[in-house]
Amino acid sequence: MATPSAGDLGAAAGELRLLAAALRFLEFAGTGAARPPAVPVLEAAFPVLEALAAAPAWRSNAAVIAALCEACHDPVDMPIIFLAKFK
């Protein structure tokens, strides 16, 4: 992964905060369906969250880390498998 510019870091933090806001309103509890509808959203987002958290150039930025923490906070009923990587 290339070294991000200041603009890249700011944009990533902003995008992560938007993702965090969306995740807060997803339904994780059983809805009668075999699989909660939020799971595919997390499955799509997780590789990006994991890559940002793993890359020193991104995780060394306070705004990016704060936004990652916001996106990966512990909402009620969020499957623990998604939280384990960020705890």
C-alpha atoms as a PDB file:
ATOM      1  CA  MET A   1       0.000   0.000   0.000  1.00  0.00           C
ATOM      2  CA  ALA A   2       1.441   3.380  -0.999  1.00  0.00           C
ATOM      3  CA  THR A   3       2.040   6.127   1.546  1.00  0.00           C
ATOM      4  CA  PRO A   4      -1.124   8.216   1.764  1.00  0.00           C
ATOM      5  CA  SER A   5      -1.086  11.979   1.379  1.00  0.00           C
ATOM      6  CA  ALA A   6      -2.644  14.276   3.969  1.00  0.00           C
ATOM      7  CA  GLY A   7      -5.650  14.603   1.663  1.00  0.00           C
ATOM      8  CA  ASP A   8      -5.952  10.813   1.409  1.00  0.00           C
ATOM      9  CA  LEU A   9      -5.844  10.490   5.191  1.00  0.00           C
ATOM     10  CA  GLY A  10      -8.523  13.131   5.667  1.00  0.00           C
ATOM     11  CA  ALA A  11     -10.725  11.613   2.977  1.00  0.00           C
ATOM     12  CA  ALA A  12     -10.365   8.135   4.466  1.00  0.00           C
ATOM     13  CA  ALA A  13     -11.282   9.406   7.939  1.00  0.00           C
ATOM     14  CA  GLY A  14     -14.351  11.141   6.509  1.00  0.00           C
ATOM     15  CA  GLU A  15     -15.450   8.044   4.595  1.00  0.00           C
ATOM     16  CA  LEU A  16     -14.951   5.889   7.689  1.00  0.00           C
ATOM     17  CA  ARG A  17     -17.114   8.252   9.744  1.00  0.00           C
ATOM     18  CA  LEU A  18     -19.842   7.954   7.098  1.00  0.00           C
ATOM     19  CA  LEU A  19     -19.568   4.168   7.259  1.00  0.00           C
ATOM     20  CA  ALA A  20     -19.776   4.322  11.057  1.00  0.00           C
ATOM     21  CA  ALA A  21     -22.951   6.405  10.832  1.00  0.00           C
ATOM     22  CA  ALA A  22     -24.508   3.891   8.438  1.00  0.00           C
ATOM     23  CA  LEU A  23     -23.496   0.909  10.584  1.00  0.00           C
ATOM     24  CA  ARG A  24     -25.206   2.409  13.627  1.00  0.00           C
ATOM     25  CA  PHE A  25     -28.565   2.027  11.922  1.00  0.00           C
ATOM     26  CA  LEU A  26     -28.189  -1.478  10.498  1.00  0.00           C
ATOM     27  CA  GLU A  27     -30.316  -4.297  11.868  1.00  0.00           C
ATOM     28  CA  PHE A  28     -28.194  -7.006  13.491  1.00  0.00           C
ATOM     29  CA  ALA A  29     -30.862  -8.779  15.512  1.00  0.00           C
ATOM     30  CA  GLY A  30     -32.773 -11.639  14.015  1.00  0.00           C
ATOM     31  CA  THR A  31     -35.510 -10.497  11.687  1.00  0.00           C
ATOM     32  CA  GLY A  32     -36.894 -13.903  10.885  1.00  0.00           C
ATOM     33  CA  ALA A  33     -34.494 -14.231   7.981  1.00  0.00           C
ATOM     34  CA  ALA A  34     -31.780 -16.876   8.116  1.00  0.00           C
ATOM     35  CA  ARG A  35     -29.136 -14.154   7.994  1.00  0.00           C
ATOM     36  CA  PRO A  36     -29.420 -10.608   9.344  1.00  0.00           C
ATOM     37  CA  PRO A  37     -29.401  -8.066   6.483  1.00  0.00           C
ATOM     38  CA  ALA A  38     -26.453  -6.155   7.973  1.00  0.00           C
ATOM     39  CA  VAL A  39     -24.054  -9.087   7.613  1.00  0.00           C
ATOM     40  CA  PRO A  40     -23.420  -8.622   3.848  1.00  0.00           C
ATOM     41  CA  VAL A  41     -22.671  -4.938   4.437  1.00  0.00           C
ATOM     42  CA  LEU A  42     -20.087  -5.803   7.076  1.00  0.00           C
ATOM     43  CA  GLU A  43     -18.617  -8.541   4.913  1.00  0.00           C
ATOM     44  CA  ALA A  44     -18.099  -6.020   2.118  1.00  0.00           C
ATOM     45  CA  ALA A  45     -16.629  -3.357   4.412  1.00  0.00           C
ATOM     46  CA  PHE A  46     -14.484  -5.597   6.589  1.00  0.00           C
ATOM     47  CA  PRO A  47     -11.555  -6.152   4.163  1.00  0.00           C
ATOM     48  CA  VAL A  48     -11.099  -2.397   3.799  1.00  0.00           C
ATOM     49  CA  LEU A  49     -11.345  -1.794   7.550  1.00  0.00           C
ATOM     50  CA  GLU A  50      -8.866  -4.589   8.176  1.00  0.00           C
ATOM     51  CA  ALA A  51      -6.415  -3.265   5.546  1.00  0.00           C
ATOM     52  CA  LEU A  52      -6.514   0.253   6.986  1.00  0.00           C
ATOM     53  CA  ALA A  53      -6.032  -1.045  10.523  1.00  0.00           C
ATOM     54  CA  ALA A  54      -3.103  -3.210   9.433  1.00  0.00           C
ATOM     55  CA  ALA A  55      -1.209  -0.612   7.372  1.00  0.00           C
ATOM     56  CA  PRO A  56       1.206   1.484   9.487  1.00  0.00           C
ATOM     57  CA  ALA A  57       0.892   4.538   7.227  1.00  0.00           C
ATOM     58  CA  TRP A  58      -2.878   4.648   7.791  1.00  0.00           C
ATOM     59  CA  ARG A  59      -3.098   3.527  11.410  1.00  0.00           C
ATOM     60  CA  SER A  60      -0.496   6.079  12.494  1.00  0.00           C
ATOM     61  CA  ASN A  61      -2.944   8.874  11.691  1.00  0.00           C
ATOM     62  CA  ALA A  62      -5.076   9.856  14.693  1.00  0.00           C
ATOM     63  CA  ALA A  63      -8.110  10.851  12.587  1.00  0.00           C
ATOM     64  CA  VAL A  64      -8.103   7.534  10.709  1.00  0.00           C
ATOM     65  CA  ILE A  65      -7.762   5.523  13.927  1.00  0.00           C
ATOM     66  CA  ALA A  66     -10.548   7.505  15.608  1.00  0.00           C
ATOM     67  CA  ALA A  67     -12.802   6.906  12.597  1.00  0.00           C
ATOM     68  CA  LEU A  68     -11.904   3.185  12.545  1.00  0.00           C
ATOM     69  CA  CYS A  69     -12.790   2.944  16.221  1.00  0.00           C
ATOM     70  CA  GLU A  70     -16.053   4.728  15.561  1.00  0.00           C
ATOM     71  CA  ALA A  71     -16.862   2.337  12.698  1.00  0.00           C
ATOM     72  CA  CYS A  72     -15.947  -0.694  14.795  1.00  0.00           C
ATOM     73  CA  HIS A  73     -17.544   0.295  18.084  1.00  0.00           C
ATOM     74  CA  ASP A  74     -19.543  -2.344  19.890  1.00  0.00           C
ATOM     75  CA  PRO A  75     -23.150  -1.860  18.755  1.00  0.00           C
ATOM     76  CA  VAL A  76     -25.783  -4.053  20.344  1.00  0.00           C
ATOM     77  CA  ASP A  77     -26.097  -7.394  18.555  1.00  0.00           C
ATOM     78  CA  MET A  78     -23.178  -6.834  16.142  1.00  0.00           C
ATOM     79  CA  PRO A  79     -21.669 -10.251  15.409  1.00  0.00           C
ATOM     80  CA  ILE A  80     -18.552 -10.700  17.523  1.00  0.00           C
ATOM     81  CA  ILE A  81     -16.587 -12.099  14.578  1.00  0.00           C
ATOM     82  CA  PHE A  82     -16.395  -8.598  13.095  1.00  0.00           C
ATOM     83  CA  LEU A  83     -15.326  -7.002  16.369  1.00  0.00           C
ATOM     84  CA  ALA A  84     -12.580  -9.471  17.277  1.00  0.00           C
ATOM     85  CA  LYS A  85     -10.094  -8.016  14.762  1.00  0.00           C
ATOM     86  CA  PHE A  86     -10.358  -4.510  16.237  1.00  0.00           C
ATOM     87  CA  LYS A  87     -10.348  -5.185  19.974  1.00  0.00           C
END
